[in-house]
Amino acid sequence: MRKYAPAAPLVLLVLAACGSSPTTNYYTLAPVPPTSQQAACHLTGAAPFKFDSVTIPGSIDRLAVVRSAGPNRLNVAEFDRWAAPLDDQLRRVLSDDLAQRLPAGRVIPPQGAAGSDAPRMIAVDIDRFDADLTGHVVLAADWSVVSGKNVTTRKTERIEADADATAYDSDAAAMSRTLGILADHIAASIAAAGDC
C-alpha cells in the first residue's frame, strides 16, 4: 500500500508565505503655495490659460515609483506606487499651482470647459522628473505658451529639491515643491509679459 505525506504542512507554508507579502503604499502629488511674491498681474481681457499637454519620459510613465540609481540604471519600487497616472497628476497639480499664482478665473482646470474664449494653451515637455537614491529630486522640462497657432513664450527649466532618501512620501513632497517652483516661473513670465 502506497503512503502519501499529509498535505497540511504544505498548505500552512503556502498560507504563511501569502500572509507575509509587503503592503503596497500609494502616493500622490499635491499643489503647493507660491514660494515668492509674484509680480503684479494686470487683467487685460485676454483668453485664460489651460494646460494642454504634459509629456513625461517613458521610463517614469508607470504606476510604480521610479528612482534614478545612476546614469544607466533605475530602481522601480514594486510596492510603492502612484495613486493615479503621473501625467494626469502633473496636469492637475500644475493647473492648481498656476491658479494660485494668477488672478481668479485665469486658469481653466484640465477637465474644465473653455467658455466663449479659446484658452491659451500651456504645454510642458518633461525630460526628467525623479529622485535619486540620496533623495535628490530633479525636474528638467521645457514649457511653452501657445495662443492660436503662435508660440508666445518658450522656456527651459531645471529645478532641484532634496527629500528624505528613506521615504517615498518625502520624494512625492519634494517633487510637488519642484512643480510649485515651475508654476512660480510660468506665472512670473506671464506677468512680466503683461498678458495675464
N, C-alpha and C. Protein backbone atom coordinates (compact mmCIF):
# COMPACT_ATOMS: atom_id res chain seq x y z
N MET A 1 0.84 -1.16 0.00
CA MET A 1 0.00 0.00 0.00
C MET A 1 0.90 1.25 0.00
N ARG A 2 0.58 2.18 -0.86
CA ARG A 2 1.37 3.38 -1.00
C ARG A 2 0.94 4.41 0.03
N LYS A 3 1.92 5.11 0.65
CA LYS A 3 1.60 6.11 1.67
C LYS A 3 1.89 7.50 1.11
N TYR A 4 1.01 8.44 1.42
CA TYR A 4 1.18 9.82 0.99
C TYR A 4 1.42 10.71 2.21
N ALA A 5 2.32 11.64 2.06
CA ALA A 5 2.57 12.58 3.15
C ALA A 5 1.37 13.49 3.29
N PRO A 6 1.05 13.88 4.48
CA PRO A 6 -0.10 14.78 4.67
C PRO A 6 0.14 16.13 3.99
N ALA A 7 -0.92 16.70 3.46
CA ALA A 7 -0.82 17.96 2.74
C ALA A 7 -0.86 19.17 3.67
N ALA A 8 -1.27 18.97 4.92
CA ALA A 8 -1.44 20.10 5.84
C ALA A 8 -0.18 20.96 5.99
N PRO A 9 1.02 20.39 6.19
CA PRO A 9 2.20 21.25 6.34
C PRO A 9 2.46 22.12 5.10
N LEU A 10 2.22 21.58 3.91
CA LEU A 10 2.42 22.34 2.69
C LEU A 10 1.43 23.51 2.60
N VAL A 11 0.17 23.25 2.95
CA VAL A 11 -0.85 24.29 2.93
C VAL A 11 -0.49 25.41 3.91
N LEU A 12 -0.03 25.05 5.11
CA LEU A 12 0.36 26.06 6.10
C LEU A 12 1.53 26.90 5.61
N LEU A 13 2.48 26.28 4.92
CA LEU A 13 3.63 27.00 4.40
C LEU A 13 3.20 28.02 3.34
N VAL A 14 2.29 27.60 2.45
CA VAL A 14 1.79 28.50 1.41
C VAL A 14 1.03 29.67 2.04
N LEU A 15 0.18 29.38 3.03
CA LEU A 15 -0.58 30.44 3.69
C LEU A 15 0.34 31.41 4.43
N ALA A 16 1.38 30.90 5.05
CA ALA A 16 2.33 31.76 5.76
C ALA A 16 3.04 32.68 4.78
N ALA A 17 3.39 32.17 3.60
CA ALA A 17 4.07 32.99 2.59
C ALA A 17 3.15 34.10 2.10
N CYS A 18 1.87 33.76 1.92
CA CYS A 18 0.92 34.77 1.45
C CYS A 18 0.71 35.85 2.50
N GLY A 19 0.70 35.48 3.74
CA GLY A 19 0.47 36.42 4.83
C GLY A 19 1.61 37.40 5.04
N SER A 20 2.78 37.12 4.47
CA SER A 20 3.93 37.99 4.72
C SER A 20 4.22 38.95 3.57
N SER A 21 3.33 39.08 2.60
CA SER A 21 3.55 40.00 1.49
C SER A 21 3.56 41.43 2.00
N PRO A 22 4.50 42.26 1.51
CA PRO A 22 4.53 43.66 1.95
C PRO A 22 3.29 44.42 1.51
N THR A 23 2.94 45.43 2.27
CA THR A 23 1.81 46.29 1.94
C THR A 23 2.20 47.24 0.80
N THR A 24 1.30 47.44 -0.15
CA THR A 24 1.55 48.40 -1.21
C THR A 24 1.18 49.79 -0.72
N ASN A 25 2.08 50.74 -0.90
CA ASN A 25 1.85 52.13 -0.49
C ASN A 25 1.56 52.97 -1.73
N TYR A 26 0.65 53.94 -1.59
CA TYR A 26 0.26 54.79 -2.71
C TYR A 26 0.58 56.25 -2.39
N TYR A 27 1.05 56.98 -3.41
CA TYR A 27 1.47 58.37 -3.23
C TYR A 27 0.81 59.25 -4.28
N THR A 28 0.73 60.54 -3.93
CA THR A 28 0.16 61.49 -4.87
C THR A 28 0.93 62.81 -4.80
N LEU A 29 0.90 63.54 -5.87
CA LEU A 29 1.48 64.88 -5.90
C LEU A 29 0.41 65.87 -5.43
N ALA A 30 0.84 66.99 -4.86
CA ALA A 30 -0.12 67.95 -4.32
C ALA A 30 0.30 69.38 -4.65
N PRO A 31 -0.68 70.28 -4.86
CA PRO A 31 -0.35 71.68 -5.09
C PRO A 31 0.35 72.28 -3.87
N VAL A 32 1.19 73.29 -4.11
CA VAL A 32 1.87 73.99 -3.01
C VAL A 32 1.69 75.50 -3.20
N PRO A 33 1.73 76.27 -2.10
CA PRO A 33 1.59 77.73 -2.23
C PRO A 33 2.79 78.33 -2.96
N PRO A 34 2.64 79.54 -3.48
CA PRO A 34 3.76 80.21 -4.15
C PRO A 34 4.95 80.36 -3.20
N THR A 35 6.16 80.26 -3.74
CA THR A 35 7.36 80.38 -2.91
C THR A 35 7.84 81.81 -2.80
N SER A 36 7.32 82.70 -3.63
CA SER A 36 7.73 84.10 -3.57
C SER A 36 6.57 84.98 -4.03
N GLN A 37 6.68 86.25 -3.72
CA GLN A 37 5.67 87.20 -4.15
C GLN A 37 5.72 87.35 -5.66
N GLN A 38 4.60 87.17 -6.31
CA GLN A 38 4.57 87.27 -7.76
C GLN A 38 4.51 88.74 -8.20
N ALA A 39 4.99 88.99 -9.41
CA ALA A 39 4.89 90.33 -9.98
C ALA A 39 3.43 90.69 -10.17
N ALA A 40 3.14 91.99 -10.12
CA ALA A 40 1.76 92.45 -10.31
C ALA A 40 1.23 91.98 -11.65
N CYS A 41 0.02 91.49 -11.63
CA CYS A 41 -0.58 90.92 -12.84
C CYS A 41 -1.82 91.74 -13.19
N HIS A 42 -1.85 92.31 -14.35
CA HIS A 42 -2.98 93.16 -14.75
C HIS A 42 -3.87 92.40 -15.73
N LEU A 43 -5.16 92.37 -15.40
CA LEU A 43 -6.11 91.71 -16.30
C LEU A 43 -6.21 92.51 -17.59
N THR A 44 -6.09 91.81 -18.70
CA THR A 44 -6.16 92.50 -19.98
C THR A 44 -7.36 92.06 -20.81
N GLY A 45 -8.16 91.17 -20.28
CA GLY A 45 -9.27 90.64 -21.05
C GLY A 45 -8.85 89.57 -22.04
N ALA A 46 -7.58 89.19 -21.99
CA ALA A 46 -7.10 88.13 -22.88
C ALA A 46 -7.66 86.79 -22.44
N ALA A 47 -7.55 85.82 -23.31
CA ALA A 47 -8.09 84.49 -23.02
C ALA A 47 -7.37 83.86 -21.83
N PRO A 48 -8.07 83.01 -21.09
CA PRO A 48 -7.44 82.33 -19.95
C PRO A 48 -6.43 81.28 -20.42
N PHE A 49 -5.77 80.65 -19.44
CA PHE A 49 -4.75 79.64 -19.73
C PHE A 49 -5.27 78.26 -19.36
N LYS A 50 -4.76 77.26 -20.07
CA LYS A 50 -5.10 75.87 -19.77
C LYS A 50 -3.90 74.99 -20.12
N PHE A 51 -3.60 74.02 -19.25
CA PHE A 51 -2.52 73.08 -19.55
C PHE A 51 -3.03 72.10 -20.60
N ASP A 52 -2.47 72.23 -21.80
CA ASP A 52 -2.88 71.42 -22.93
C ASP A 52 -2.30 70.02 -22.84
N SER A 53 -1.01 69.94 -22.60
CA SER A 53 -0.37 68.63 -22.53
C SER A 53 0.82 68.68 -21.59
N VAL A 54 1.03 67.58 -20.90
CA VAL A 54 2.23 67.40 -20.08
C VAL A 54 2.78 66.03 -20.46
N THR A 55 3.92 66.02 -21.12
CA THR A 55 4.51 64.74 -21.54
C THR A 55 5.64 64.38 -20.59
N ILE A 56 5.79 63.07 -20.36
CA ILE A 56 6.83 62.57 -19.47
C ILE A 56 7.60 61.47 -20.17
N PRO A 57 8.84 61.22 -19.74
CA PRO A 57 9.61 60.14 -20.37
C PRO A 57 8.96 58.78 -20.11
N GLY A 58 9.10 57.88 -21.06
CA GLY A 58 8.56 56.53 -20.89
C GLY A 58 9.12 55.81 -19.69
N SER A 59 10.34 56.15 -19.29
CA SER A 59 10.98 55.47 -18.16
C SER A 59 10.25 55.70 -16.84
N ILE A 60 9.51 56.81 -16.71
CA ILE A 60 8.76 57.05 -15.48
C ILE A 60 7.26 56.99 -15.70
N ASP A 61 6.84 56.67 -16.90
CA ASP A 61 5.41 56.61 -17.23
C ASP A 61 4.84 55.27 -16.80
N ARG A 62 4.73 55.10 -15.51
CA ARG A 62 4.24 53.86 -14.91
C ARG A 62 3.69 54.17 -13.54
N LEU A 63 2.91 53.26 -12.96
CA LEU A 63 2.35 53.50 -11.64
C LEU A 63 3.39 53.30 -10.54
N ALA A 64 4.38 52.44 -10.76
CA ALA A 64 5.42 52.24 -9.76
C ALA A 64 6.31 53.47 -9.66
N VAL A 65 6.70 53.83 -8.44
CA VAL A 65 7.60 54.97 -8.24
C VAL A 65 9.00 54.57 -8.72
N VAL A 66 9.64 55.48 -9.44
CA VAL A 66 10.96 55.22 -10.02
C VAL A 66 11.98 56.16 -9.39
N ARG A 67 13.13 55.59 -9.02
CA ARG A 67 14.26 56.40 -8.55
C ARG A 67 15.45 56.16 -9.47
N SER A 68 16.21 57.22 -9.70
CA SER A 68 17.42 57.10 -10.50
C SER A 68 18.52 56.48 -9.64
N ALA A 69 19.14 55.42 -10.16
CA ALA A 69 20.20 54.73 -9.41
C ALA A 69 21.55 54.90 -10.09
N GLY A 70 21.65 55.84 -10.99
CA GLY A 70 22.90 56.07 -11.72
C GLY A 70 22.59 56.49 -13.13
N PRO A 71 23.61 56.78 -13.91
CA PRO A 71 23.37 57.27 -15.27
C PRO A 71 22.68 56.25 -16.18
N ASN A 72 22.81 54.97 -15.87
CA ASN A 72 22.24 53.94 -16.74
C ASN A 72 21.35 52.94 -16.01
N ARG A 73 20.86 53.32 -14.80
CA ARG A 73 20.07 52.36 -14.04
C ARG A 73 18.97 53.06 -13.27
N LEU A 74 17.80 52.43 -13.24
CA LEU A 74 16.66 52.93 -12.48
C LEU A 74 16.23 51.87 -11.48
N ASN A 75 15.73 52.32 -10.32
CA ASN A 75 15.11 51.42 -9.36
C ASN A 75 13.60 51.62 -9.45
N VAL A 76 12.87 50.56 -9.72
CA VAL A 76 11.41 50.62 -9.81
C VAL A 76 10.86 49.96 -8.56
N ALA A 77 10.12 50.72 -7.76
CA ALA A 77 9.61 50.23 -6.48
C ALA A 77 8.39 49.34 -6.70
N GLU A 78 8.50 48.09 -6.30
CA GLU A 78 7.40 47.14 -6.54
C GLU A 78 6.18 47.44 -5.69
N PHE A 79 6.39 47.91 -4.45
CA PHE A 79 5.28 48.11 -3.53
C PHE A 79 5.02 49.58 -3.19
N ASP A 80 5.61 50.49 -3.97
CA ASP A 80 5.38 51.92 -3.79
C ASP A 80 4.91 52.48 -5.13
N ARG A 81 3.66 52.94 -5.15
CA ARG A 81 3.02 53.28 -6.43
C ARG A 81 2.36 54.65 -6.38
N TRP A 82 2.22 55.23 -7.57
CA TRP A 82 1.43 56.45 -7.70
C TRP A 82 -0.04 56.09 -7.64
N ALA A 83 -0.83 56.94 -7.01
CA ALA A 83 -2.27 56.67 -6.87
C ALA A 83 -3.02 56.86 -8.17
N ALA A 84 -2.42 57.58 -9.12
CA ALA A 84 -3.03 57.83 -10.43
C ALA A 84 -1.90 58.00 -11.43
N PRO A 85 -2.18 57.85 -12.73
CA PRO A 85 -1.11 58.04 -13.72
C PRO A 85 -0.39 59.37 -13.52
N LEU A 86 0.92 59.34 -13.63
CA LEU A 86 1.75 60.50 -13.32
C LEU A 86 1.43 61.70 -14.22
N ASP A 87 1.19 61.47 -15.52
CA ASP A 87 0.91 62.61 -16.40
C ASP A 87 -0.40 63.30 -16.02
N ASP A 88 -1.40 62.52 -15.58
CA ASP A 88 -2.67 63.12 -15.12
C ASP A 88 -2.44 63.96 -13.87
N GLN A 89 -1.65 63.42 -12.93
CA GLN A 89 -1.36 64.17 -11.71
C GLN A 89 -0.61 65.47 -12.01
N LEU A 90 0.32 65.39 -12.94
CA LEU A 90 1.10 66.58 -13.30
C LEU A 90 0.22 67.68 -13.86
N ARG A 91 -0.68 67.34 -14.76
CA ARG A 91 -1.60 68.36 -15.33
C ARG A 91 -2.47 68.97 -14.24
N ARG A 92 -3.00 68.13 -13.37
CA ARG A 92 -3.88 68.63 -12.30
C ARG A 92 -3.11 69.55 -11.34
N VAL A 93 -1.94 69.10 -10.89
CA VAL A 93 -1.19 69.87 -9.89
C VAL A 93 -0.65 71.17 -10.50
N LEU A 94 -0.09 71.10 -11.70
CA LEU A 94 0.40 72.32 -12.33
C LEU A 94 -0.74 73.32 -12.55
N SER A 95 -1.90 72.83 -12.94
CA SER A 95 -3.05 73.70 -13.14
C SER A 95 -3.46 74.36 -11.82
N ASP A 96 -3.53 73.56 -10.75
CA ASP A 96 -3.89 74.11 -9.43
C ASP A 96 -2.83 75.10 -8.94
N ASP A 97 -1.56 74.74 -9.15
CA ASP A 97 -0.47 75.64 -8.73
C ASP A 97 -0.55 76.98 -9.46
N LEU A 98 -0.72 76.94 -10.79
CA LEU A 98 -0.77 78.18 -11.56
C LEU A 98 -2.00 79.01 -11.17
N ALA A 99 -3.11 78.34 -10.89
CA ALA A 99 -4.33 79.05 -10.49
C ALA A 99 -4.13 79.82 -9.19
N GLN A 100 -3.25 79.31 -8.31
CA GLN A 100 -2.94 80.03 -7.06
C GLN A 100 -2.08 81.27 -7.30
N ARG A 101 -1.42 81.32 -8.45
CA ARG A 101 -0.44 82.36 -8.72
C ARG A 101 -0.94 83.44 -9.68
N LEU A 102 -2.07 83.21 -10.33
CA LEU A 102 -2.67 84.19 -11.24
C LEU A 102 -4.02 84.63 -10.68
N PRO A 103 -4.56 85.75 -11.16
CA PRO A 103 -5.88 86.18 -10.68
C PRO A 103 -6.95 85.11 -10.91
N ALA A 104 -7.96 85.16 -10.08
CA ALA A 104 -9.05 84.17 -10.15
C ALA A 104 -9.65 84.11 -11.55
N GLY A 105 -9.90 82.90 -12.01
CA GLY A 105 -10.53 82.70 -13.30
C GLY A 105 -9.59 82.71 -14.49
N ARG A 106 -8.29 82.89 -14.26
CA ARG A 106 -7.35 82.97 -15.38
C ARG A 106 -6.82 81.61 -15.79
N VAL A 107 -7.10 80.57 -15.00
CA VAL A 107 -6.63 79.21 -15.34
C VAL A 107 -7.84 78.28 -15.38
N ILE A 108 -7.98 77.58 -16.49
CA ILE A 108 -9.07 76.60 -16.65
C ILE A 108 -8.55 75.24 -16.22
N PRO A 109 -9.27 74.53 -15.34
CA PRO A 109 -8.82 73.19 -14.92
C PRO A 109 -8.72 72.26 -16.13
N PRO A 110 -7.92 71.18 -16.01
CA PRO A 110 -7.72 70.26 -17.15
C PRO A 110 -9.02 69.76 -17.77
N GLN A 111 -10.03 69.48 -16.94
CA GLN A 111 -11.29 68.97 -17.47
C GLN A 111 -12.35 70.07 -17.64
N GLY A 112 -11.95 71.31 -17.39
CA GLY A 112 -12.92 72.41 -17.44
C GLY A 112 -13.23 72.87 -18.85
N ALA A 113 -14.42 73.42 -19.03
CA ALA A 113 -14.83 73.97 -20.33
C ALA A 113 -14.21 75.34 -20.51
N ALA A 114 -13.89 75.67 -21.74
CA ALA A 114 -13.19 76.92 -22.04
C ALA A 114 -14.10 78.14 -22.03
N GLY A 115 -15.40 77.98 -22.20
CA GLY A 115 -16.28 79.13 -22.29
C GLY A 115 -16.22 79.74 -23.69
N SER A 116 -16.47 81.05 -23.77
CA SER A 116 -16.56 81.69 -25.09
C SER A 116 -15.18 81.93 -25.72
N ASP A 117 -14.15 82.14 -24.89
CA ASP A 117 -12.81 82.40 -25.41
C ASP A 117 -12.00 81.12 -25.50
N ALA A 118 -11.35 80.90 -26.64
CA ALA A 118 -10.43 79.77 -26.74
C ALA A 118 -9.24 80.05 -25.84
N PRO A 119 -8.90 79.13 -24.92
CA PRO A 119 -7.81 79.41 -23.99
C PRO A 119 -6.44 79.39 -24.66
N ARG A 120 -5.51 80.08 -24.03
CA ARG A 120 -4.11 79.96 -24.43
C ARG A 120 -3.57 78.69 -23.78
N MET A 121 -2.96 77.86 -24.58
CA MET A 121 -2.54 76.55 -24.10
C MET A 121 -1.09 76.56 -23.59
N ILE A 122 -0.89 75.87 -22.48
CA ILE A 122 0.46 75.70 -21.93
C ILE A 122 0.84 74.24 -22.12
N ALA A 123 1.95 74.03 -22.78
CA ALA A 123 2.46 72.66 -23.00
C ALA A 123 3.75 72.51 -22.20
N VAL A 124 3.89 71.38 -21.51
CA VAL A 124 5.08 71.09 -20.72
C VAL A 124 5.64 69.75 -21.20
N ASP A 125 6.90 69.76 -21.58
CA ASP A 125 7.59 68.55 -22.03
C ASP A 125 8.69 68.24 -21.02
N ILE A 126 8.46 67.21 -20.21
CA ILE A 126 9.38 66.88 -19.12
C ILE A 126 10.41 65.87 -19.60
N ASP A 127 11.68 66.23 -19.46
CA ASP A 127 12.78 65.33 -19.82
C ASP A 127 13.19 64.44 -18.65
N ARG A 128 13.09 64.99 -17.44
CA ARG A 128 13.46 64.22 -16.25
C ARG A 128 12.62 64.69 -15.07
N PHE A 129 12.13 63.73 -14.28
CA PHE A 129 11.36 64.04 -13.09
C PHE A 129 11.42 62.85 -12.15
N ASP A 130 12.46 62.84 -11.31
CA ASP A 130 12.63 61.73 -10.39
C ASP A 130 13.55 62.13 -9.24
N ALA A 131 13.62 61.24 -8.26
CA ALA A 131 14.58 61.37 -7.17
C ALA A 131 15.67 60.33 -7.39
N ASP A 132 16.86 60.60 -6.85
CA ASP A 132 17.89 59.57 -6.89
C ASP A 132 17.92 58.85 -5.54
N LEU A 133 18.87 57.97 -5.35
CA LEU A 133 18.91 57.15 -4.14
C LEU A 133 19.29 57.96 -2.90
N THR A 134 19.78 59.20 -3.09
CA THR A 134 20.09 60.07 -1.95
C THR A 134 18.91 60.98 -1.61
N GLY A 135 17.83 60.93 -2.41
CA GLY A 135 16.67 61.79 -2.19
C GLY A 135 16.72 63.10 -2.96
N HIS A 136 17.70 63.26 -3.84
CA HIS A 136 17.81 64.49 -4.63
C HIS A 136 16.84 64.42 -5.82
N VAL A 137 15.94 65.37 -5.91
CA VAL A 137 14.90 65.40 -6.95
C VAL A 137 15.30 66.41 -8.04
N VAL A 138 15.13 65.98 -9.29
CA VAL A 138 15.41 66.87 -10.42
C VAL A 138 14.18 66.90 -11.33
N LEU A 139 13.75 68.12 -11.65
CA LEU A 139 12.71 68.35 -12.67
C LEU A 139 13.37 69.14 -13.79
N ALA A 140 13.48 68.52 -14.94
CA ALA A 140 14.02 69.20 -16.13
C ALA A 140 12.93 69.20 -17.18
N ALA A 141 12.56 70.40 -17.64
CA ALA A 141 11.41 70.50 -18.55
C ALA A 141 11.51 71.71 -19.45
N ASP A 142 10.86 71.61 -20.61
CA ASP A 142 10.62 72.74 -21.49
C ASP A 142 9.13 73.06 -21.41
N TRP A 143 8.80 74.34 -21.41
CA TRP A 143 7.39 74.70 -21.44
C TRP A 143 7.17 75.85 -22.42
N SER A 144 5.95 75.91 -22.92
CA SER A 144 5.62 76.96 -23.88
C SER A 144 4.16 77.36 -23.73
N VAL A 145 3.88 78.59 -24.12
CA VAL A 145 2.51 79.10 -24.16
C VAL A 145 2.16 79.29 -25.62
N VAL A 146 1.02 78.73 -26.03
CA VAL A 146 0.58 78.82 -27.41
C VAL A 146 -0.75 79.55 -27.46
N SER A 147 -0.80 80.63 -28.25
CA SER A 147 -2.03 81.37 -28.45
C SER A 147 -2.43 81.20 -29.91
N GLY A 148 -3.54 80.50 -30.14
CA GLY A 148 -3.91 80.16 -31.52
C GLY A 148 -2.88 79.23 -32.09
N LYS A 149 -2.18 79.67 -33.13
CA LYS A 149 -1.12 78.85 -33.72
C LYS A 149 0.26 79.41 -33.41
N ASN A 150 0.32 80.45 -32.60
CA ASN A 150 1.59 81.12 -32.32
C ASN A 150 2.13 80.76 -30.95
N VAL A 151 3.41 80.40 -30.89
CA VAL A 151 4.08 80.18 -29.61
C VAL A 151 4.53 81.54 -29.11
N THR A 152 3.96 81.99 -27.99
CA THR A 152 4.28 83.31 -27.47
C THR A 152 5.42 83.28 -26.45
N THR A 153 5.60 82.15 -25.80
CA THR A 153 6.68 82.01 -24.80
C THR A 153 7.20 80.59 -24.87
N ARG A 154 8.52 80.45 -24.76
CA ARG A 154 9.12 79.10 -24.69
C ARG A 154 10.34 79.19 -23.76
N LYS A 155 10.38 78.32 -22.76
CA LYS A 155 11.49 78.35 -21.81
C LYS A 155 11.90 76.93 -21.40
N THR A 156 13.15 76.83 -20.92
CA THR A 156 13.69 75.58 -20.39
C THR A 156 13.99 75.78 -18.92
N GLU A 157 13.62 74.80 -18.11
CA GLU A 157 13.81 74.89 -16.66
C GLU A 157 14.53 73.65 -16.14
N ARG A 158 15.34 73.86 -15.11
CA ARG A 158 15.91 72.76 -14.33
C ARG A 158 15.74 73.16 -12.86
N ILE A 159 14.95 72.41 -12.14
CA ILE A 159 14.61 72.72 -10.76
C ILE A 159 14.97 71.53 -9.89
N GLU A 160 15.61 71.78 -8.75
CA GLU A 160 16.07 70.70 -7.89
C GLU A 160 15.58 70.91 -6.47
N ALA A 161 15.38 69.81 -5.76
CA ALA A 161 14.97 69.84 -4.35
C ALA A 161 15.50 68.58 -3.69
N ASP A 162 15.54 68.60 -2.37
CA ASP A 162 16.02 67.43 -1.63
C ASP A 162 14.92 66.83 -0.79
N ALA A 163 14.97 65.50 -0.69
CA ALA A 163 13.98 64.75 0.08
C ALA A 163 14.70 63.79 1.02
N ASP A 164 13.94 63.17 1.89
CA ASP A 164 14.48 62.13 2.77
C ASP A 164 14.58 60.85 1.95
N ALA A 165 15.81 60.37 1.76
CA ALA A 165 16.02 59.21 0.88
C ALA A 165 15.38 57.93 1.41
N THR A 166 14.96 57.92 2.66
CA THR A 166 14.39 56.69 3.24
C THR A 166 12.88 56.62 3.08
N ALA A 167 12.25 57.67 2.52
CA ALA A 167 10.78 57.70 2.48
C ALA A 167 10.28 58.18 1.12
N TYR A 168 9.47 57.35 0.48
CA TYR A 168 8.91 57.73 -0.81
C TYR A 168 7.93 58.89 -0.69
N ASP A 169 7.24 59.03 0.46
CA ASP A 169 6.33 60.16 0.59
C ASP A 169 7.11 61.47 0.63
N SER A 170 8.35 61.43 1.10
CA SER A 170 9.21 62.61 1.05
C SER A 170 9.59 62.94 -0.39
N ASP A 171 9.82 61.91 -1.21
CA ASP A 171 10.05 62.13 -2.64
C ASP A 171 8.86 62.87 -3.26
N ALA A 172 7.65 62.38 -2.97
CA ALA A 172 6.44 62.98 -3.54
C ALA A 172 6.30 64.44 -3.11
N ALA A 173 6.62 64.74 -1.84
CA ALA A 173 6.53 66.12 -1.36
C ALA A 173 7.56 67.01 -2.05
N ALA A 174 8.79 66.51 -2.21
CA ALA A 174 9.83 67.29 -2.89
C ALA A 174 9.49 67.49 -4.37
N MET A 175 8.94 66.46 -5.00
CA MET A 175 8.52 66.58 -6.39
C MET A 175 7.41 67.62 -6.52
N SER A 176 6.49 67.64 -5.56
CA SER A 176 5.43 68.64 -5.56
C SER A 176 6.01 70.04 -5.43
N ARG A 177 7.05 70.20 -4.61
CA ARG A 177 7.69 71.52 -4.46
C ARG A 177 8.31 71.98 -5.77
N THR A 178 8.93 71.05 -6.51
CA THR A 178 9.54 71.46 -7.79
C THR A 178 8.46 71.91 -8.78
N LEU A 179 7.30 71.26 -8.75
CA LEU A 179 6.20 71.69 -9.63
C LEU A 179 5.70 73.07 -9.23
N GLY A 180 5.66 73.35 -7.92
CA GLY A 180 5.27 74.68 -7.45
C GLY A 180 6.24 75.74 -7.93
N ILE A 181 7.53 75.43 -7.91
CA ILE A 181 8.53 76.39 -8.39
C ILE A 181 8.38 76.61 -9.89
N LEU A 182 8.10 75.52 -10.63
CA LEU A 182 7.86 75.66 -12.06
C LEU A 182 6.66 76.58 -12.30
N ALA A 183 5.59 76.40 -11.52
CA ALA A 183 4.42 77.27 -11.66
C ALA A 183 4.78 78.72 -11.30
N ASP A 184 5.66 78.92 -10.29
CA ASP A 184 6.14 80.27 -9.98
C ASP A 184 6.77 80.91 -11.22
N HIS A 185 7.62 80.14 -11.90
CA HIS A 185 8.34 80.67 -13.06
C HIS A 185 7.39 80.97 -14.22
N ILE A 186 6.43 80.07 -14.43
CA ILE A 186 5.46 80.29 -15.51
C ILE A 186 4.63 81.55 -15.22
N ALA A 187 4.14 81.67 -13.97
CA ALA A 187 3.33 82.83 -13.59
C ALA A 187 4.13 84.13 -13.71
N ALA A 188 5.39 84.10 -13.27
CA ALA A 188 6.22 85.30 -13.35
C ALA A 188 6.46 85.71 -14.79
N SER A 189 6.65 84.73 -15.67
CA SER A 189 6.87 85.03 -17.09
C SER A 189 5.61 85.62 -17.72
N ILE A 190 4.47 85.06 -17.38
CA ILE A 190 3.19 85.58 -17.90
C ILE A 190 2.96 87.00 -17.41
N ALA A 191 3.22 87.23 -16.12
CA ALA A 191 3.02 88.56 -15.55
C ALA A 191 3.97 89.57 -16.15
N ALA A 192 5.22 89.16 -16.36
CA ALA A 192 6.22 90.07 -16.94
C ALA A 192 5.83 90.50 -18.36
N ALA A 193 5.16 89.58 -19.06
CA ALA A 193 4.72 89.89 -20.43
C ALA A 193 3.45 90.77 -20.41
N GLY A 194 2.84 90.90 -19.23
CA GLY A 194 1.65 91.74 -19.09
C GLY A 194 0.42 91.20 -19.78
N ASP A 195 0.37 89.87 -19.97
CA ASP A 195 -0.78 89.33 -20.71
C ASP A 195 -1.57 88.31 -19.90
N CYS A 196 -1.67 88.53 -18.58
CA CYS A 196 -2.47 87.59 -17.79
C CYS A 196 -3.84 88.16 -17.47
